[in-house]
C-alpha atoms as a PDB file:
ATOM      1  CA  MET A   1     -25.513   3.484   5.652  1.00  0.00           C
ATOM      2  CA  ALA A   2     -25.257   7.519   5.450  1.00  0.00           C
ATOM      3  CA  ILE A   3     -26.281   8.846   8.770  1.00  0.00           C
ATOM      4  CA  GLU A   4     -27.190  12.563   9.377  1.00  0.00           C
ATOM      5  CA  LEU A   5     -25.014  13.925  12.522  1.00  0.00           C
ATOM      6  CA  ASP A   6     -26.233  16.096  14.836  1.00  0.00           C
ATOM      7  CA  GLN A   7     -24.639  18.048  18.091  1.00  0.00           C
ATOM      8  CA  HIS A   8     -25.828  15.660  20.156  1.00  0.00           C
ATOM      9  CA  ASP A   9     -23.942  13.070  17.783  1.00  0.00           C
ATOM     10  CA  HIS A  10     -20.856  15.783  17.847  1.00  0.00           C
ATOM     11  CA  ARG A  11     -20.466  15.274  21.904  1.00  0.00           C
ATOM     12  CA  ILE A  12     -21.071  11.573  21.879  1.00  0.00           C
ATOM     13  CA  LEU A  13     -18.193  11.059  19.338  1.00  0.00           C
ATOM     14  CA  ALA A  14     -16.000  13.830  21.126  1.00  0.00           C
ATOM     15  CA  GLU A  15     -16.394  12.612  24.597  1.00  0.00           C
ATOM     16  CA  LEU A  16     -15.755   8.759  23.437  1.00  0.00           C
ATOM     17  CA  GLN A  17     -12.621   9.937  21.735  1.00  0.00           C
ATOM     18  CA  ALA A  18     -11.662  11.522  24.964  1.00  0.00           C
ATOM     19  CA  ASP A  19     -12.511   8.446  27.022  1.00  0.00           C
ATOM     20  CA  ALA A  20     -14.131   5.551  25.349  1.00  0.00           C
ATOM     21  CA  ARG A  21     -14.293   3.747  29.049  1.00  0.00           C
ATOM     22  CA  LEU A  22     -17.229   6.018  29.893  1.00  0.00           C
ATOM     23  CA  THR A  23     -20.574   3.986  31.266  1.00  0.00           C
ATOM     24  CA  MET A  24     -23.319   5.082  28.918  1.00  0.00           C
ATOM     25  CA  ALA A  25     -24.862   6.821  32.105  1.00  0.00           C
ATOM     26  CA  GLU A  26     -22.207   8.847  32.249  1.00  0.00           C
ATOM     27  CA  LEU A  27     -21.672   9.531  28.427  1.00  0.00           C
ATOM     28  CA  GLY A  28     -25.635  10.296  28.741  1.00  0.00           C
ATOM     29  CA  ARG A  29     -25.071  12.997  31.396  1.00  0.00           C
ATOM     30  CA  ARG A  30     -22.077  14.816  29.487  1.00  0.00           C
ATOM     31  CA  VAL A  31     -24.251  14.999  26.351  1.00  0.00           C
ATOM     32  CA  HIS A  32     -27.526  15.777  28.304  1.00  0.00           C
ATOM     33  CA  LEU A  33     -29.507  12.825  27.253  1.00  0.00           C
ATOM     34  CA  SER A  34     -30.896   9.529  29.110  1.00  0.00           C
ATOM     35  CA  GLN A  35     -28.975   6.575  29.078  1.00  0.00           C
ATOM     36  CA  PRO A  36     -31.379   4.610  26.778  1.00  0.00           C
ATOM     37  CA  ALA A  37     -31.426   7.441  24.159  1.00  0.00           C
ATOM     38  CA  VAL A  38     -27.657   7.692  24.223  1.00  0.00           C
ATOM     39  CA  THR A  39     -26.999   3.927  23.799  1.00  0.00           C
ATOM     40  CA  GLU A  40     -29.236   4.061  20.991  1.00  0.00           C
ATOM     41  CA  ARG A  41     -26.884   6.591  19.543  1.00  0.00           C
ATOM     42  CA  VAL A  42     -24.093   4.942  19.875  1.00  0.00           C
ATOM     43  CA  ARG A  43     -25.314   2.179  18.160  1.00  0.00           C
ATOM     44  CA  LYS A  44     -26.400   3.780  15.415  1.00  0.00           C
ATOM     45  CA  LEU A  45     -23.142   5.392  15.000  1.00  0.00           C
ATOM     46  CA  GLU A  46     -21.195   2.003  15.275  1.00  0.00           C
ATOM     47  CA  ALA A  47     -23.760   0.505  12.543  1.00  0.00           C
ATOM     48  CA  ALA A  48     -23.000   3.534  10.363  1.00  0.00           C
ATOM     49  CA  GLY A  49     -19.195   2.707  10.681  1.00  0.00           C
ATOM     50  CA  ILE A  50     -18.721   5.850  12.245  1.00  0.00           C
ATOM     51  CA  ILE A  51     -17.202   4.404  15.324  1.00  0.00           C
ATOM     52  CA  THR A  52     -15.097   1.527  14.253  1.00  0.00           C
ATOM     53  CA  GLY A  53     -13.969   0.114  17.732  1.00  0.00           C
ATOM     54  CA  TYR A  54     -12.709   0.712  20.869  1.00  0.00           C
ATOM     55  CA  ARG A  55      -9.321   0.142  21.988  1.00  0.00           C
ATOM     56  CA  ALA A  56      -6.545   0.954  25.187  1.00  0.00           C
ATOM     57  CA  THR A  57      -3.534   3.821  24.066  1.00  0.00           C
ATOM     58  CA  VAL A  58      -0.527   2.312  25.572  1.00  0.00           C
ATOM     59  CA  ASP A  59       3.135   3.749  26.066  1.00  0.00           C
ATOM     60  CA  LEU A  60       5.292   2.197  24.167  1.00  0.00           C
ATOM     61  CA  THR A  61       8.302   3.346  25.448  1.00  0.00           C
ATOM     62  CA  ARG A  62       7.081   1.913  29.152  1.00  0.00           C
ATOM     63  CA  MET A  63       6.440  -1.712  27.021  1.00  0.00           C
ATOM     64  CA  GLY A  64       9.954  -1.691  26.184  1.00  0.00           C
ATOM     65  CA  TYR A  65      10.373  -0.062  22.818  1.00  0.00           C
ATOM     66  CA  GLY A  66      13.032   2.453  23.075  1.00  0.00           C
ATOM     67  CA  ILE A  67      12.955   3.553  19.381  1.00  0.00           C
ATOM     68  CA  ARG A  68      10.230   4.546  17.155  1.00  0.00           C
ATOM     69  CA  ALA A  69      10.834   5.243  13.548  1.00  0.00           C
ATOM     70  CA  ILE A  70       9.203   6.286  10.168  1.00  0.00           C
ATOM     71  CA  ILE A  71      10.299   4.381   7.420  1.00  0.00           C
ATOM     72  CA  ARG A  72       9.075   5.441   3.971  1.00  0.00           C
ATOM     73  CA  VAL A  73       9.300   2.364   1.489  1.00  0.00           C
ATOM     74  CA  GLY A  74       9.584   3.124  -2.126  1.00  0.00           C
ATOM     75  CA  ARG A  75       7.685   1.270  -5.197  1.00  0.00           C
ATOM     76  CA  ALA A  76       7.190  -2.194  -4.323  1.00  0.00           C
ATOM     77  CA  GLU A  77       4.957  -4.815  -5.446  1.00  0.00           C
ATOM     78  CA  TYR A  78       1.629  -3.737  -3.132  1.00  0.00           C
ATOM     79  CA  ALA A  79       0.708  -7.758  -2.367  1.00  0.00           C
ATOM     80  CA  ARG A  80       4.558  -8.336  -0.855  1.00  0.00           C
ATOM     81  CA  VAL A  81       4.468  -5.069   1.470  1.00  0.00           C
ATOM     82  CA  VAL A  82       1.266  -6.315   2.732  1.00  0.00           C
ATOM     83  CA  LYS A  83       2.574  -9.554   3.413  1.00  0.00           C
ATOM     84  CA  LEU A  84       5.284  -8.462   5.227  1.00  0.00           C
ATOM     85  CA  VAL A  85       3.730  -5.991   7.085  1.00  0.00           C
ATOM     86  CA  GLN A  86       1.021  -8.853   8.431  1.00  0.00           C
ATOM     87  CA  GLN A  87       4.021 -10.798   9.311  1.00  0.00           C
ATOM     88  CA  THR A  88       6.164  -8.021  11.549  1.00  0.00           C
ATOM     89  CA  PRO A  89       4.862  -7.382  14.896  1.00  0.00           C
ATOM     90  CA  GLU A  90       6.988  -4.349  15.098  1.00  0.00           C
ATOM     91  CA  ILE A  91       5.256  -2.126  12.682  1.00  0.00           C
ATOM     92  CA  VAL A  92       2.596  -0.030  14.377  1.00  0.00           C
ATOM     93  CA  ASN A  93       0.833   1.638  11.515  1.00  0.00           C
ATOM     94  CA  ALA A  94       1.294   1.186   7.697  1.00  0.00           C
ATOM     95  CA  TYR A  95       0.275   3.827   4.950  1.00  0.00           C
ATOM     96  CA  ASN A  96      -0.113   2.936   1.213  1.00  0.00           C
ATOM     97  CA  VAL A  97       0.205   6.563   0.203  1.00  0.00           C
ATOM     98  CA  THR A  98       0.709   8.270  -3.441  1.00  0.00           C
ATOM     99  CA  GLY A  99       3.839  10.173  -4.450  1.00  0.00           C
ATOM    100  CA  GLU A 100       7.517   9.306  -5.013  1.00  0.00           C
ATOM    101  CA  ASP A 101       7.176   6.641  -1.744  1.00  0.00           C
ATOM    102  CA  SER A 102       4.557   3.867  -1.960  1.00  0.00           C
ATOM    103  CA  TRP A 103       4.519   3.504   1.753  1.00  0.00           C
ATOM    104  CA  VAL A 104       5.087   4.917   4.924  1.00  0.00           C
ATOM    105  CA  ILE A 105       5.618   2.663   7.793  1.00  0.00           C
ATOM    106  CA  GLU A 106       5.565   3.481  11.618  1.00  0.00           C
ATOM    107  CA  ILE A 107       7.246   1.092  13.871  1.00  0.00           C
ATOM    108  CA  ALA A 108       8.033   0.388  17.316  1.00  0.00           C
ATOM    109  CA  VAL A 109      11.735  -1.476  18.207  1.00  0.00           C
ATOM    110  CA  ILE A 110      13.980  -2.004  21.460  1.00  0.00           C
ATOM    111  CA  ASP A 111      17.465  -0.581  20.412  1.00  0.00           C
ATOM    112  CA  VAL A 112      19.533  -0.111  16.884  1.00  0.00           C
ATOM    113  CA  PRO A 113      19.884  -3.729  16.421  1.00  0.00           C
ATOM    114  CA  HIS A 114      16.405  -4.535  16.510  1.00  0.00           C
ATOM    115  CA  LEU A 115      15.682  -1.295  14.139  1.00  0.00           C
ATOM    116  CA  ASP A 116      18.305  -2.632  11.321  1.00  0.00           C
ATOM    117  CA  ALA A 117      16.585  -5.944  11.544  1.00  0.00           C
ATOM    118  CA  VAL A 118      13.287  -4.345  10.641  1.00  0.00           C
ATOM    119  CA  VAL A 119      14.459  -2.186   8.136  1.00  0.00           C
ATOM    120  CA  SER A 120      16.486  -4.828   6.560  1.00  0.00           C
ATOM    121  CA  LYS A 121      13.448  -6.881   6.099  1.00  0.00           C
ATOM    122  CA  LEU A 122      11.811  -3.823   3.780  1.00  0.00           C
ATOM    123  CA  CYS A 123      14.676  -3.305   2.168  1.00  0.00           C
ATOM    124  CA  VAL A 124      14.822  -6.265   0.321  1.00  0.00           C
ATOM    125  CA  LEU A 125      11.217  -5.348  -1.052  1.00  0.00           C
ATOM    126  CA  THR A 126      13.168  -1.418  -2.474  1.00  0.00           C
ATOM    127  CA  GLU A 127      15.234   1.493  -1.317  1.00  0.00           C
ATOM    128  CA  THR A 128      14.009   2.922   2.272  1.00  0.00           C
ATOM    129  CA  SER A 129      14.258   6.128   4.027  1.00  0.00           C
ATOM    130  CA  THR A 130      14.187   5.739   8.087  1.00  0.00           C
ATOM    131  CA  ALA A 131      13.768   8.732  10.177  1.00  0.00           C
ATOM    132  CA  ILE A 132      13.713   8.043  14.365  1.00  0.00           C
ATOM    133  CA  ILE A 133      10.913   9.853  15.929  1.00  0.00           C
ATOM    134  CA  LEU A 134      12.583  12.161  18.768  1.00  0.00           C
ATOM    135  CA  ASN A 135       9.321  13.667  20.210  1.00  0.00           C
ATOM    136  CA  VAL A 136       5.636  13.010  19.609  1.00  0.00           C
ATOM    137  CA  VAL A 137       3.765  16.221  19.258  1.00  0.00           C
ATOM    138  CA  ARG A 138       0.464  15.109  18.750  1.00  0.00           C
ATOM    139  CA  GLN A 139      -1.154  11.639  18.723  1.00  0.00           C
ATOM    140  CA  HIS A 140      -4.727  10.494  18.312  1.00  0.00           C
ATOM    141  CA  GLN A 141      -6.382  13.414  18.049  1.00  0.00           C
ATOM    142  CA  ALA A 142     -10.115  13.707  18.454  1.00  0.00           C
ATOM    143  CA  MET A 143     -11.778  14.860  15.146  1.00  0.00           C
ATOM    144  CA  ALA A 144     -15.073  16.476  15.051  1.00  0.00           C
ATOM    145  CA  PRO A 145     -17.170  15.244  11.512  1.00  0.00           C
ATOM    146  CA  ALA A 146     -16.418  17.123   8.467  1.00  0.00           C
ATOM    147  CA  LYS A 147     -17.824  20.501   7.650  1.00  0.00           C
ATOM    148  CA  ARG A 148     -17.497  21.917   4.056  1.00  0.00           C
ATOM    149  CA  GLU A 149     -17.502  25.604   3.937  1.00  0.00           C
ATOM    150  CA  ALA A 150     -19.406  27.140   1.369  1.00  0.00           C
ATOM    151  CA  PRO A 151     -17.818  28.266  -1.832  1.00  0.00           C
ATOM    152  CA  LYS A 152     -16.931  31.749  -1.626  1.00  0.00           C
ATOM    153  CA  PRO A 153     -17.756  33.631  -4.891  1.00  0.00           C
ATOM    154  CA  SER A 154     -15.297  34.693  -7.705  1.00  0.00           C
ATOM    155  CA  LEU A 155     -14.210  38.251  -7.978  1.00  0.00           C
ATOM    156  CA  LYS A 156     -15.885  38.231 -11.585  1.00  0.00           C
ATOM    157  CA  LYS A 157     -19.048  37.356 -10.185  1.00  0.00           C
ATOM    158  CA  LEU A 158     -18.867  39.825  -7.796  1.00  0.00           C
ATOM    159  CA  LYS A 159     -18.570  42.441 -10.359  1.00  0.00           C
ATOM    160  CA  ARG A 160     -21.541  41.577 -12.625  1.00  0.00           C
ATOM    161  CA  ALA A 161     -23.866  41.745  -9.860  1.00  0.00           C
ATOM    162  CA  ALA A 162     -22.926  45.057  -8.476  1.00  0.00           C
END
């Protein structure tokens, strides 16, 4: 279901990405709409699949995970990787990608022996490369709806028009 987004929708998305716990009344105040109007717009954004869910962001370090790492996984049978991802609770994010590697996987583990155990599961499938995350500079960036810029005319077209 395609949906045309206006400035109110953009503001609603920005506010909810910043704080998904806002009440509809507060969200309405922030975007200058009535509570029923903002509630209807949020429902439409959900129905269109633009808003896909709401969740709490947690600090993995405070939960006892001392190491976060990125594992690049070489070419492997897709179904086997998917099954392993589903069976490995330490995997935070898993992306099937193009390029030399087939997968980029983010994990959270307690310590180095725990890291070794998780990486070893993936090494059974194919070659891997692991990088420990030292510092997170950006995470969960709020995104505005994409806008295409108008194509710029080529120099040849400009010369002909002159």
